[in-house]
Amino acid sequence: MPAKRLPDKMFYRIGEISRYTGLEPHVLRYWETEFEQLAPNKSGSRQRLYRRQDVDLILKIKGLLYDQGYTIQGAKKALGRARARNADAPPLPEAVREDLRSLRREIESLVEILKET
């Protein structure tokens, strides 16, 4: 966990986030390339400007990788599952899901037919 409290402001620079999270700036920059959800704004001078939600995501990624032992790929999948669980859309009824599965099978059949021609 972070050693000190993050000040309450709209944007944070990479150095502040580095000190708060205990992660080196190059690690934060690397994670931006690996995790599409992590995309801080950039100022006119190209400085990264992280929001509070970015910091929360960084801490979640750090927990997955360092505390729980996930790989980068595993952490991506875990974040994807978490996002899917938190989606606002209600789950589809089973009848609709079955219709979609049937439609997918039909499309796959058509693709196979097109490959043969």
PDB file of N, CA and C in Angstrom:
ATOM      1  N   MET A   1       0.828  -1.197   0.000  1.00  0.00           N
ATOM      2  CA  MET A   1       0.000   0.000   0.000  1.00  0.00           C
ATOM      3  C   MET A   1       0.864   1.248   0.000  1.00  0.00           C
ATOM      4  N   PRO A   2       0.325   2.348  -0.496  1.00  0.00           N
ATOM      5  CA  PRO A   2       1.075   3.585  -0.561  1.00  0.00           C
ATOM      6  C   PRO A   2       1.464   4.070   0.830  1.00  0.00           C
ATOM      7  N   ALA A   3       2.654   4.666   0.894  1.00  0.00           N
ATOM      8  CA  ALA A   3       3.164   5.134   2.173  1.00  0.00           C
ATOM      9  C   ALA A   3       2.454   6.387   2.649  1.00  0.00           C
ATOM     10  N   LYS A   4       2.054   7.235   1.722  1.00  0.00           N
ATOM     11  CA  LYS A   4       1.376   8.461   2.139  1.00  0.00           C
ATOM     12  C   LYS A   4       0.126   8.693   1.312  1.00  0.00           C
ATOM     13  N   ARG A   5      -0.674   9.601   1.778  1.00  0.00           N
ATOM     14  CA  ARG A   5      -1.962   9.890   1.152  1.00  0.00           C
ATOM     15  C   ARG A   5      -1.761  10.754  -0.087  1.00  0.00           C
ATOM     16  N   LEU A   6      -2.509  10.462  -1.120  1.00  0.00           N
ATOM     17  CA  LEU A   6      -2.447  11.231  -2.360  1.00  0.00           C
ATOM     18  C   LEU A   6      -3.249  12.513  -2.180  1.00  0.00           C
ATOM     19  N   PRO A   7      -2.683  13.661  -2.515  1.00  0.00           N
ATOM     20  CA  PRO A   7      -3.430  14.918  -2.368  1.00  0.00           C
ATOM     21  C   PRO A   7      -4.694  14.897  -3.223  1.00  0.00           C
ATOM     22  N   ASP A   8      -5.683  15.639  -2.784  1.00  0.00           N
ATOM     23  CA  ASP A   8      -6.953  15.697  -3.505  1.00  0.00           C
ATOM     24  C   ASP A   8      -6.882  16.794  -4.562  1.00  0.00           C
ATOM     25  N   LYS A   9      -6.597  16.375  -5.794  1.00  0.00           N
ATOM     26  CA  LYS A   9      -6.577  17.320  -6.911  1.00  0.00           C
ATOM     27  C   LYS A   9      -6.999  16.599  -8.177  1.00  0.00           C
ATOM     28  N   MET A  10      -7.189  17.355  -9.249  1.00  0.00           N
ATOM     29  CA  MET A  10      -7.734  16.783 -10.466  1.00  0.00           C
ATOM     30  C   MET A  10      -6.713  15.928 -11.226  1.00  0.00           C
ATOM     31  N   PHE A  11      -5.466  16.396 -11.337  1.00  0.00           N
ATOM     32  CA  PHE A  11      -4.449  15.688 -12.101  1.00  0.00           C
ATOM     33  C   PHE A  11      -3.177  15.525 -11.286  1.00  0.00           C
ATOM     34  N   TYR A  12      -2.456  14.446 -11.583  1.00  0.00           N
ATOM     35  CA  TYR A  12      -1.190  14.135 -10.921  1.00  0.00           C
ATOM     36  C   TYR A  12      -0.151  13.851 -11.993  1.00  0.00           C
ATOM     37  N   ARG A  13       1.070  14.259 -11.753  1.00  0.00           N
ATOM     38  CA  ARG A  13       2.151  13.990 -12.702  1.00  0.00           C
ATOM     39  C   ARG A  13       2.781  12.639 -12.380  1.00  0.00           C
ATOM     40  N   ILE A  14       3.537  12.128 -13.325  1.00  0.00           N
ATOM     41  CA  ILE A  14       4.086  10.786 -13.195  1.00  0.00           C
ATOM     42  C   ILE A  14       4.992  10.649 -11.967  1.00  0.00           C
ATOM     43  N   GLY A  15       5.729  11.695 -11.623  1.00  0.00           N
ATOM     44  CA  GLY A  15       6.596  11.635 -10.446  1.00  0.00           C
ATOM     45  C   GLY A  15       5.806  11.455  -9.162  1.00  0.00           C
ATOM     46  N   GLU A  16       4.675  12.160  -9.076  1.00  0.00           N
ATOM     47  CA  GLU A  16       3.817  12.021  -7.888  1.00  0.00           C
ATOM     48  C   GLU A  16       3.266  10.602  -7.795  1.00  0.00           C
ATOM     49  N   ILE A  17       2.825  10.071  -8.927  1.00  0.00           N
ATOM     50  CA  ILE A  17       2.258   8.726  -8.949  1.00  0.00           C
ATOM     51  C   ILE A  17       3.337   7.704  -8.618  1.00  0.00           C
ATOM     52  N   SER A  18       4.530   7.932  -9.123  1.00  0.00           N
ATOM     53  CA  SER A  18       5.645   7.040  -8.844  1.00  0.00           C
ATOM     54  C   SER A  18       5.938   6.990  -7.344  1.00  0.00           C
ATOM     55  N   ARG A  19       6.018   8.143  -6.720  1.00  0.00           N
ATOM     56  CA  ARG A  19       6.278   8.175  -5.274  1.00  0.00           C
ATOM     57  C   ARG A  19       5.134   7.552  -4.489  1.00  0.00           C
ATOM     58  N   TYR A  20       3.907   7.830  -4.890  1.00  0.00           N
ATOM     59  CA  TYR A  20       2.732   7.334  -4.173  1.00  0.00           C
ATOM     60  C   TYR A  20       2.608   5.814  -4.268  1.00  0.00           C
ATOM     61  N   THR A  21       2.862   5.271  -5.466  1.00  0.00           N
ATOM     62  CA  THR A  21       2.662   3.831  -5.683  1.00  0.00           C
ATOM     63  C   THR A  21       3.912   3.008  -5.415  1.00  0.00           C
ATOM     64  N   GLY A  22       5.059   3.666  -5.373  1.00  0.00           N
ATOM     65  CA  GLY A  22       6.303   2.931  -5.206  1.00  0.00           C
ATOM     66  C   GLY A  22       6.767   2.271  -6.495  1.00  0.00           C
ATOM     67  N   LEU A  23       6.240   2.712  -7.618  1.00  0.00           N
ATOM     68  CA  LEU A  23       6.615   2.178  -8.927  1.00  0.00           C
ATOM     69  C   LEU A  23       7.485   3.188  -9.660  1.00  0.00           C
ATOM     70  N   GLU A  24       8.467   2.694 -10.383  1.00  0.00           N
ATOM     71  CA  GLU A  24       9.329   3.571 -11.174  1.00  0.00           C
ATOM     72  C   GLU A  24       8.533   4.141 -12.353  1.00  0.00           C
ATOM     73  N   PRO A  25       8.864   5.365 -12.791  1.00  0.00           N
ATOM     74  CA  PRO A  25       8.157   5.947 -13.937  1.00  0.00           C
ATOM     75  C   PRO A  25       8.192   5.070 -15.190  1.00  0.00           C
ATOM     76  N   HIS A  26       9.314   4.375 -15.440  1.00  0.00           N
ATOM     77  CA  HIS A  26       9.377   3.536 -16.647  1.00  0.00           C
ATOM     78  C   HIS A  26       8.385   2.380 -16.564  1.00  0.00           C
ATOM     79  N   VAL A  27       8.091   1.912 -15.365  1.00  0.00           N
ATOM     80  CA  VAL A  27       7.097   0.848 -15.200  1.00  0.00           C
ATOM     81  C   VAL A  27       5.713   1.390 -15.554  1.00  0.00           C
ATOM     82  N   LEU A  28       5.411   2.583 -15.084  1.00  0.00           N
ATOM     83  CA  LEU A  28       4.115   3.202 -15.398  1.00  0.00           C
ATOM     84  C   LEU A  28       3.977   3.419 -16.905  1.00  0.00           C
ATOM     85  N   ARG A  29       5.038   3.898 -17.546  1.00  0.00           N
ATOM     86  CA  ARG A  29       4.978   4.115 -18.995  1.00  0.00           C
ATOM     87  C   ARG A  29       4.799   2.783 -19.733  1.00  0.00           C
ATOM     88  N   TYR A  30       5.481   1.734 -19.266  1.00  0.00           N
ATOM     89  CA  TYR A  30       5.333   0.421 -19.886  1.00  0.00           C
ATOM     90  C   TYR A  30       3.901  -0.088 -19.736  1.00  0.00           C
ATOM     91  N   TRP A  31       3.345   0.059 -18.555  1.00  0.00           N
ATOM     92  CA  TRP A  31       1.975  -0.416 -18.333  1.00  0.00           C
ATOM     93  C   TRP A  31       0.982   0.287 -19.255  1.00  0.00           C
ATOM     94  N   GLU A  32       1.253   1.541 -19.605  1.00  0.00           N
ATOM     95  CA  GLU A  32       0.372   2.242 -20.546  1.00  0.00           C
ATOM     96  C   GLU A  32       0.334   1.521 -21.890  1.00  0.00           C
ATOM     97  N   THR A  33       1.443   0.910 -22.269  1.00  0.00           N
ATOM     98  CA  THR A  33       1.474   0.195 -23.552  1.00  0.00           C
ATOM     99  C   THR A  33       0.790  -1.156 -23.462  1.00  0.00           C
ATOM    100  N   GLU A  34       0.711  -1.719 -22.265  1.00  0.00           N
ATOM    101  CA  GLU A  34       0.149  -3.050 -22.087  1.00  0.00           C
ATOM    102  C   GLU A  34      -1.336  -3.051 -21.710  1.00  0.00           C
ATOM    103  N   PHE A  35      -1.762  -2.050 -20.974  1.00  0.00           N
ATOM    104  CA  PHE A  35      -3.144  -2.005 -20.483  1.00  0.00           C
ATOM    105  C   PHE A  35      -3.863  -0.832 -21.139  1.00  0.00           C
ATOM    106  N   GLU A  36      -4.764  -1.156 -22.068  1.00  0.00           N
ATOM    107  CA  GLU A  36      -5.442  -0.101 -22.817  1.00  0.00           C
ATOM    108  C   GLU A  36      -6.295   0.801 -21.930  1.00  0.00           C
ATOM    109  N   GLN A  37      -6.718   0.289 -20.772  1.00  0.00           N
ATOM    110  CA  GLN A  37      -7.531   1.095 -19.867  1.00  0.00           C
ATOM    111  C   GLN A  37      -6.714   2.219 -19.233  1.00  0.00           C
ATOM    112  N   LEU A  38      -5.413   2.053 -19.204  1.00  0.00           N
ATOM    113  CA  LEU A  38      -4.525   3.035 -18.587  1.00  0.00           C
ATOM    114  C   LEU A  38      -4.023   3.984 -19.673  1.00  0.00           C
ATOM    115  N   ALA A  39      -4.665   5.119 -19.780  1.00  0.00           N
ATOM    116  CA  ALA A  39      -4.313   6.092 -20.816  1.00  0.00           C
ATOM    117  C   ALA A  39      -4.421   7.499 -20.234  1.00  0.00           C
ATOM    118  N   PRO A  40      -3.381   7.939 -19.521  1.00  0.00           N
ATOM    119  CA  PRO A  40      -3.448   9.272 -18.931  1.00  0.00           C
ATOM    120  C   PRO A  40      -3.490  10.359 -20.001  1.00  0.00           C
ATOM    121  N   ASN A  41      -4.072  11.472 -19.656  1.00  0.00           N
ATOM    122  CA  ASN A  41      -4.058  12.625 -20.548  1.00  0.00           C
ATOM    123  C   ASN A  41      -2.624  13.124 -20.652  1.00  0.00           C
ATOM    124  N   LYS A  42      -2.353  13.896 -21.682  1.00  0.00           N
ATOM    125  CA  LYS A  42      -1.027  14.501 -21.801  1.00  0.00           C
ATOM    126  C   LYS A  42      -1.205  15.994 -21.982  1.00  0.00           C
ATOM    127  N   SER A  43      -0.347  16.741 -21.296  1.00  0.00           N
ATOM    128  CA  SER A  43      -0.405  18.204 -21.381  1.00  0.00           C
ATOM    129  C   SER A  43       0.188  18.659 -22.700  1.00  0.00           C
ATOM    130  N   GLY A  44       0.134  19.955 -22.942  1.00  0.00           N
ATOM    131  CA  GLY A  44       0.721  20.509 -24.162  1.00  0.00           C
ATOM    132  C   GLY A  44       2.209  20.230 -24.249  1.00  0.00           C
ATOM    133  N   SER A  45       2.868  20.090 -23.112  1.00  0.00           N
ATOM    134  CA  SER A  45       4.302  19.794 -23.099  1.00  0.00           C
ATOM    135  C   SER A  45       4.552  18.283 -23.026  1.00  0.00           C
ATOM    136  N   ARG A  46       3.513  17.482 -23.293  1.00  0.00           N
ATOM    137  CA  ARG A  46       3.568  16.021 -23.356  1.00  0.00           C
ATOM    138  C   ARG A  46       3.799  15.350 -22.013  1.00  0.00           C
ATOM    139  N   GLN A  47       3.565  16.076 -20.911  1.00  0.00           N
ATOM    140  CA  GLN A  47       3.657  15.446 -19.596  1.00  0.00           C
ATOM    141  C   GLN A  47       2.397  14.649 -19.338  1.00  0.00           C
ATOM    142  N   ARG A  48       2.570  13.479 -18.744  1.00  0.00           N
ATOM    143  CA  ARG A  48       1.414  12.643 -18.420  1.00  0.00           C
ATOM    144  C   ARG A  48       0.661  13.249 -17.249  1.00  0.00           C
ATOM    145  N   LEU A  49      -0.650  13.282 -17.394  1.00  0.00           N
ATOM    146  CA  LEU A  49      -1.513  13.809 -16.333  1.00  0.00           C
ATOM    147  C   LEU A  49      -2.503  12.717 -15.953  1.00  0.00           C
ATOM    148  N   TYR A  50      -2.262  12.110 -14.804  1.00  0.00           N
ATOM    149  CA  TYR A  50      -3.090  11.012 -14.327  1.00  0.00           C
ATOM    150  C   TYR A  50      -4.260  11.542 -13.504  1.00  0.00           C
ATOM    151  N   ARG A  51      -5.402  10.906 -13.645  1.00  0.00           N
ATOM    152  CA  ARG A  51      -6.579  11.224 -12.834  1.00  0.00           C
ATOM    153  C   ARG A  51      -6.659  10.227 -11.685  1.00  0.00           C
ATOM    154  N   ARG A  52      -7.532  10.491 -10.755  1.00  0.00           N
ATOM    155  CA  ARG A  52      -7.699   9.598  -9.600  1.00  0.00           C
ATOM    156  C   ARG A  52      -8.053   8.188 -10.065  1.00  0.00           C
ATOM    157  N   GLN A  53      -8.908   8.066 -11.079  1.00  0.00           N
ATOM    158  CA  GLN A  53      -9.295   6.729 -11.553  1.00  0.00           C
ATOM    159  C   GLN A  53      -8.095   6.011 -12.179  1.00  0.00           C
ATOM    160  N   ASP A  54      -7.159   6.754 -12.793  1.00  0.00           N
ATOM    161  CA  ASP A  54      -5.941   6.137 -13.302  1.00  0.00           C
ATOM    162  C   ASP A  54      -5.106   5.577 -12.150  1.00  0.00           C
ATOM    163  N   VAL A  55      -5.027   6.336 -11.073  1.00  0.00           N
ATOM    164  CA  VAL A  55      -4.265   5.898  -9.901  1.00  0.00           C
ATOM    165  C   VAL A  55      -4.894   4.634  -9.316  1.00  0.00           C
ATOM    166  N   ASP A  56      -6.211   4.611  -9.227  1.00  0.00           N
ATOM    167  CA  ASP A  56      -6.895   3.419  -8.718  1.00  0.00           C
ATOM    168  C   ASP A  56      -6.596   2.206  -9.596  1.00  0.00           C
ATOM    169  N   LEU A  57      -6.602   2.410 -10.909  1.00  0.00           N
ATOM    170  CA  LEU A  57      -6.294   1.322 -11.837  1.00  0.00           C
ATOM    171  C   LEU A  57      -4.845   0.863 -11.674  1.00  0.00           C
ATOM    172  N   ILE A  58      -3.931   1.793 -11.526  1.00  0.00           N
ATOM    173  CA  ILE A  58      -2.519   1.444 -11.325  1.00  0.00           C
ATOM    174  C   ILE A  58      -2.367   0.590 -10.070  1.00  0.00           C
ATOM    175  N   LEU A  59      -3.045   0.982  -9.001  1.00  0.00           N
ATOM    176  CA  LEU A  59      -2.958   0.210  -7.761  1.00  0.00           C
ATOM    177  C   LEU A  59      -3.565  -1.180  -7.925  1.00  0.00           C
ATOM    178  N   LYS A  60      -4.625  -1.264  -8.720  1.00  0.00           N
ATOM    179  CA  LYS A  60      -5.246  -2.575  -8.978  1.00  0.00           C
ATOM    180  C   LYS A  60      -4.293  -3.457  -9.787  1.00  0.00           C
ATOM    181  N   ILE A  61      -3.665  -2.886 -10.815  1.00  0.00           N
ATOM    182  CA  ILE A  61      -2.706  -3.630 -11.632  1.00  0.00           C
ATOM    183  C   ILE A  61      -1.522  -4.065 -10.768  1.00  0.00           C
ATOM    184  N   LYS A  62      -1.026  -3.161  -9.957  1.00  0.00           N
ATOM    185  CA  LYS A  62       0.099  -3.481  -9.080  1.00  0.00           C
ATOM    186  C   LYS A  62      -0.262  -4.655  -8.158  1.00  0.00           C
ATOM    187  N   GLY A  63      -1.463  -4.630  -7.609  1.00  0.00           N
ATOM    188  CA  GLY A  63      -1.905  -5.712  -6.739  1.00  0.00           C
ATOM    189  C   GLY A  63      -1.967  -7.041  -7.471  1.00  0.00           C
ATOM    190  N   LEU A  64      -2.500  -7.010  -8.694  1.00  0.00           N
ATOM    191  CA  LEU A  64      -2.594  -8.238  -9.482  1.00  0.00           C
ATOM    192  C   LEU A  64      -1.205  -8.792  -9.807  1.00  0.00           C
ATOM    193  N   LEU A  65      -0.301  -7.918 -10.230  1.00  0.00           N
ATOM    194  CA  LEU A  65       1.017  -8.378 -10.664  1.00  0.00           C
ATOM    195  C   LEU A  65       1.930  -8.718  -9.495  1.00  0.00           C
ATOM    196  N   TYR A  66       2.019  -7.836  -8.525  1.00  0.00           N
ATOM    197  CA  TYR A  66       3.016  -7.995  -7.470  1.00  0.00           C
ATOM    198  C   TYR A  66       2.504  -8.797  -6.275  1.00  0.00           C
ATOM    199  N   ASP A  67       1.259  -8.594  -5.891  1.00  0.00           N
ATOM    200  CA  ASP A  67       0.740  -9.276  -4.705  1.00  0.00           C
ATOM    201  C   ASP A  67       0.144 -10.645  -5.030  1.00  0.00           C
ATOM    202  N   GLN A  68      -0.606 -10.712  -6.135  1.00  0.00           N
ATOM    203  CA  GLN A  68      -1.286 -11.955  -6.461  1.00  0.00           C
ATOM    204  C   GLN A  68      -0.516 -12.815  -7.462  1.00  0.00           C
ATOM    205  N   GLY A  69       0.573 -12.298  -8.007  1.00  0.00           N
ATOM    206  CA  GLY A  69       1.431 -13.092  -8.878  1.00  0.00           C
ATOM    207  C   GLY A  69       0.933 -13.306 -10.294  1.00  0.00           C
ATOM    208  N   TYR A  70       0.034 -12.463 -10.764  1.00  0.00           N
ATOM    209  CA  TYR A  70      -0.453 -12.588 -12.136  1.00  0.00           C
ATOM    210  C   TYR A  70       0.645 -12.197 -13.126  1.00  0.00           C
ATOM    211  N   THR A  71       0.574 -12.751 -14.322  1.00  0.00           N
ATOM    212  CA  THR A  71       1.393 -12.272 -15.427  1.00  0.00           C
ATOM    213  C   THR A  71       0.679 -11.064 -16.031  1.00  0.00           C
ATOM    214  N   ILE A  72       1.341 -10.384 -16.956  1.00  0.00           N
ATOM    215  CA  ILE A  72       0.703  -9.248 -17.640  1.00  0.00           C
ATOM    216  C   ILE A  72      -0.572  -9.741 -18.332  1.00  0.00           C
ATOM    217  N   GLN A  73      -0.469 -10.857 -19.057  1.00  0.00           N
ATOM    218  CA  GLN A  73      -1.646 -11.396 -19.758  1.00  0.00           C
ATOM    219  C   GLN A  73      -2.752 -11.761 -18.774  1.00  0.00           C
ATOM    220  N   GLY A  74      -2.390 -12.385 -17.678  1.00  0.00           N
ATOM    221  CA  GLY A  74      -3.384 -12.764 -16.677  1.00  0.00           C
ATOM    222  C   GLY A  74      -4.052 -11.549 -16.057  1.00  0.00           C
ATOM    223  N   ALA A  75      -3.272 -10.514 -15.820  1.00  0.00           N
ATOM    224  CA  ALA A  75      -3.838  -9.283 -15.255  1.00  0.00           C
ATOM    225  C   ALA A  75      -4.802  -8.631 -16.243  1.00  0.00           C
ATOM    226  N   LYS A  76      -4.450  -8.661 -17.534  1.00  0.00           N
ATOM    227  CA  LYS A  76      -5.354  -8.110 -18.553  1.00  0.00           C
ATOM    228  C   LYS A  76      -6.688  -8.854 -18.538  1.00  0.00           C
ATOM    229  N   LYS A  77      -6.608 -10.173 -18.459  1.00  0.00           N
ATOM    230  CA  LYS A  77      -7.836 -10.972 -18.434  1.00  0.00           C
ATOM    231  C   LYS A  77      -8.647 -10.689 -17.173  1.00  0.00           C
ATOM    232  N   ALA A  78      -7.965 -10.587 -16.044  1.00  0.00           N
ATOM    233  CA  ALA A  78      -8.663 -10.316 -14.785  1.00  0.00           C
ATOM    234  C   ALA A  78      -9.344  -8.955 -14.833  1.00  0.00           C
ATOM    235  N   LEU A  79      -8.685  -7.968 -15.397  1.00  0.00           N
ATOM    236  CA  LEU A  79      -9.298  -6.645 -15.513  1.00  0.00           C
ATOM    237  C   LEU A  79     -10.476  -6.676 -16.476  1.00  0.00           C
ATOM    238  N   GLY A  80     -10.354  -7.460 -17.547  1.00  0.00           N
ATOM    239  CA  GLY A  80     -11.455  -7.595 -18.502  1.00  0.00           C
ATOM    240  C   GLY A  80     -12.669  -8.242 -17.859  1.00  0.00           C
ATOM    241  N   ARG A  81     -12.426  -9.275 -17.035  1.00  0.00           N
ATOM    242  CA  ARG A  81     -13.544  -9.919 -16.333  1.00  0.00           C
ATOM    243  C   ARG A  81     -14.179  -8.964 -15.339  1.00  0.00           C
ATOM    244  N   ALA A  82     -13.360  -8.197 -14.656  1.00  0.00           N
ATOM    245  CA  ALA A  82     -13.890  -7.246 -13.674  1.00  0.00           C
ATOM    246  C   ALA A  82     -14.728  -6.196 -14.378  1.00  0.00           C
ATOM    247  N   ARG A  83     -14.259  -5.736 -15.542  1.00  0.00           N
ATOM    248  CA  ARG A  83     -15.021  -4.734 -16.283  1.00  0.00           C
ATOM    249  C   ARG A  83     -16.342  -5.315 -16.762  1.00  0.00           C
ATOM    250  N   ALA A  84     -16.310  -6.573 -17.211  1.00  0.00           N
ATOM    251  CA  ALA A  84     -17.539  -7.219 -17.680  1.00  0.00           C
ATOM    252  C   ALA A  84     -18.535  -7.377 -16.536  1.00  0.00           C
ATOM    253  N   ARG A  85     -18.040  -7.722 -15.352  1.00  0.00           N
ATOM    254  CA  ARG A  85     -18.944  -7.873 -14.204  1.00  0.00           C
ATOM    255  C   ARG A  85     -19.560  -6.543 -13.792  1.00  0.00           C
ATOM    256  N   ASN A  86     -18.829  -5.473 -14.008  1.00  0.00           N
ATOM    257  CA  ASN A  86     -19.302  -4.160 -13.576  1.00  0.00           C
ATOM    258  C   ASN A  86     -20.097  -3.434 -14.648  1.00  0.00           C
ATOM    259  N   ALA A  87     -20.296  -4.061 -15.777  1.00  0.00           N
ATOM    260  CA  ALA A  87     -21.033  -3.406 -16.863  1.00  0.00           C
ATOM    261  C   ALA A  87     -22.452  -3.068 -16.410  1.00  0.00           C
ATOM    262  N   ASP A  88     -22.932  -1.944 -16.886  1.00  0.00           N
ATOM    263  CA  ASP A  88     -24.267  -1.496 -16.501  1.00  0.00           C
ATOM    264  C   ASP A  88     -25.373  -2.248 -17.220  1.00  0.00           C
ATOM    265  N   ALA A  89     -25.058  -2.854 -18.345  1.00  0.00           N
ATOM    266  CA  ALA A  89     -26.083  -3.533 -19.115  1.00  0.00           C
ATOM    267  C   ALA A  89     -26.540  -4.797 -18.392  1.00  0.00           C
ATOM    268  N   PRO A  90     -27.843  -5.030 -18.356  1.00  0.00           N
ATOM    269  CA  PRO A  90     -28.331  -6.254 -17.723  1.00  0.00           C
ATOM    270  C   PRO A  90     -27.947  -7.461 -18.576  1.00  0.00           C
ATOM    271  N   PRO A  91     -27.815  -8.631 -17.975  1.00  0.00           N
ATOM    272  CA  PRO A  91     -27.450  -9.817 -18.752  1.00  0.00           C
ATOM    273  C   PRO A  91     -28.550 -10.173 -19.742  1.00  0.00           C
ATOM    274  N   LEU A  92     -28.140 -10.751 -20.861  1.00  0.00           N
ATOM    275  CA  LEU A  92     -29.109 -11.146 -21.883  1.00  0.00           C
ATOM    276  C   LEU A  92     -29.870 -12.385 -21.430  1.00  0.00           C
ATOM    277  N   PRO A  93     -31.162 -12.447 -21.754  1.00  0.00           N
ATOM    278  CA  PRO A  93     -31.923 -13.659 -21.449  1.00  0.00           C
ATOM    279  C   PRO A  93     -31.337 -14.853 -22.208  1.00  0.00           C
ATOM    280  N   GLU A  94     -31.498 -16.030 -21.654  1.00  0.00           N
ATOM    281  CA  GLU A  94     -30.916 -17.234 -22.249  1.00  0.00           C
ATOM    282  C   GLU A  94     -31.426 -17.464 -23.668  1.00  0.00           C
ATOM    283  N   ALA A  95     -32.681 -17.159 -23.951  1.00  0.00           N
ATOM    284  CA  ALA A  95     -33.221 -17.350 -25.303  1.00  0.00           C
ATOM    285  C   ALA A  95     -32.463 -16.481 -26.309  1.00  0.00           C
ATOM    286  N   VAL A  96     -32.162 -15.261 -25.936  1.00  0.00           N
ATOM    287  CA  VAL A  96     -31.416 -14.356 -26.824  1.00  0.00           C
ATOM    288  C   VAL A  96     -29.992 -14.877 -27.000  1.00  0.00           C
ATOM    289  N   ARG A  97     -29.402 -15.354 -25.930  1.00  0.00           N
ATOM    290  CA  ARG A  97     -28.042 -15.886 -26.017  1.00  0.00           C
ATOM    291  C   ARG A  97     -27.989 -17.085 -26.952  1.00  0.00           C
ATOM    292  N   GLU A  98     -29.004 -17.941 -26.875  1.00  0.00           N
ATOM    293  CA  GLU A  98     -29.049 -19.109 -27.760  1.00  0.00           C
ATOM    294  C   GLU A  98     -29.226 -18.672 -29.210  1.00  0.00           C
ATOM    295  N   ASP A  99     -30.057 -17.664 -29.457  1.00  0.00           N
ATOM    296  CA  ASP A  99     -30.215 -17.132 -30.813  1.00  0.00           C
ATOM    297  C   ASP A  99     -28.883 -16.595 -31.342  1.00  0.00           C
ATOM    298  N   LEU A 100     -28.137 -15.911 -30.499  1.00  0.00           N
ATOM    299  CA  LEU A 100     -26.841 -15.382 -30.911  1.00  0.00           C
ATOM    300  C   LEU A 100     -25.849 -16.506 -31.197  1.00  0.00           C
ATOM    301  N   ARG A 101     -25.866 -17.552 -30.396  1.00  0.00           N
ATOM    302  CA  ARG A 101     -24.988 -18.697 -30.652  1.00  0.00           C
ATOM    303  C   ARG A 101     -25.342 -19.352 -31.986  1.00  0.00           C
ATOM    304  N   SER A 102     -26.637 -19.485 -32.249  1.00  0.00           N
ATOM    305  CA  SER A 102     -27.094 -20.084 -33.502  1.00  0.00           C
ATOM    306  C   SER A 102     -26.647 -19.222 -34.694  1.00  0.00           C
ATOM    307  N   LEU A 103     -26.801 -17.926 -34.557  1.00  0.00           N
ATOM    308  CA  LEU A 103     -26.388 -17.007 -35.610  1.00  0.00           C
ATOM    309  C   LEU A 103     -24.881 -17.109 -35.856  1.00  0.00           C
ATOM    310  N   ARG A 104     -24.128 -17.223 -34.792  1.00  0.00           N
ATOM    311  CA  ARG A 104     -22.680 -17.366 -34.934  1.00  0.00           C
ATOM    312  C   ARG A 104     -22.334 -18.638 -35.698  1.00  0.00           C
ATOM    313  N   ARG A 105     -23.009 -19.746 -35.370  1.00  0.00           N
ATOM    314  CA  ARG A 105     -22.748 -21.003 -36.082  1.00  0.00           C
ATOM    315  C   ARG A 105     -23.058 -20.853 -37.576  1.00  0.00           C
ATOM    316  N   GLU A 106     -24.135 -20.160 -37.890  1.00  0.00           N
ATOM    317  CA  GLU A 106     -24.494 -19.951 -39.289  1.00  0.00           C
ATOM    318  C   GLU A 106     -23.443 -19.119 -40.011  1.00  0.00           C
ATOM    319  N   ILE A 107     -22.963 -18.087 -39.355  1.00  0.00           N
ATOM    320  CA  ILE A 107     -21.938 -17.239 -39.962  1.00  0.00           C
ATOM    321  C   ILE A 107     -20.656 -18.038 -40.175  1.00  0.00           C
ATOM    322  N   GLU A 108     -20.294 -18.849 -39.200  1.00  0.00           N
ATOM    323  CA  GLU A 108     -19.097 -19.677 -39.345  1.00  0.00           C
ATOM    324  C   GLU A 108     -19.253 -20.654 -40.506  1.00  0.00           C
ATOM    325  N   SER A 109     -20.467 -21.181 -40.700  1.00  0.00           N
ATOM    326  CA  SER A 109     -20.719 -22.072 -41.846  1.00  0.00           C
ATOM    327  C   SER A 109     -20.533 -21.327 -43.157  1.00  0.00           C
ATOM    328  N   LEU A 110     -21.062 -20.122 -43.219  1.00  0.00           N
ATOM    329  CA  LEU A 110     -20.919 -19.314 -44.436  1.00  0.00           C
ATOM    330  C   LEU A 110     -19.458 -19.000 -44.710  1.00  0.00           C
ATOM    331  N   VAL A 111     -18.703 -18.719 -43.694  1.00  0.00           N
ATOM    332  CA  VAL A 111     -17.274 -18.431 -43.880  1.00  0.00           C
ATOM    333  C   VAL A 111     -16.583 -19.655 -44.456  1.00  0.00           C
ATOM    334  N   GLU A 112     -16.917 -20.847 -43.941  1.00  0.00           N
ATOM    335  CA  GLU A 112     -16.315 -22.080 -44.453  1.00  0.00           C
ATOM    336  C   GLU A 112     -16.687 -22.293 -45.922  1.00  0.00           C
ATOM    337  N   ILE A 113     -17.928 -22.024 -46.275  1.00  0.00           N
ATOM    338  CA  ILE A 113     -18.365 -22.179 -47.676  1.00  0.00           C
ATOM    339  C   ILE A 113     -17.586 -21.215 -48.564  1.00  0.00           C
ATOM    340  N   LEU A 114     -17.416 -19.966 -48.086  1.00  0.00           N
ATOM    341  CA  LEU A 114     -16.686 -18.975 -48.879  1.00  0.00           C
ATOM    342  C   LEU A 114     -15.217 -19.351 -49.035  1.00  0.00           C
ATOM    343  N   LYS A 115     -14.648 -19.980 -48.031  1.00  0.00           N
ATOM    344  CA  LYS A 115     -13.243 -20.416 -48.118  1.00  0.00           C
ATOM    345  C   LYS A 115     -13.066 -21.487 -49.197  1.00  0.00           C
ATOM    346  N   GLU A 116     -14.105 -22.305 -49.397  1.00  0.00           N
ATOM    347  CA  GLU A 116     -14.033 -23.411 -50.361  1.00  0.00           C
ATOM    348  C   GLU A 116     -14.142 -22.922 -51.790  1.00  0.00           C
ATOM    349  N   THR A 117     -14.699 -21.755 -51.987  1.00  0.00           N
ATOM    350  CA  THR A 117     -14.898 -21.270 -53.375  1.00  0.00           C
ATOM    351  C   THR A 117     -13.737 -20.476 -53.882  1.00  0.00           C
TER     352      THR A 117
END
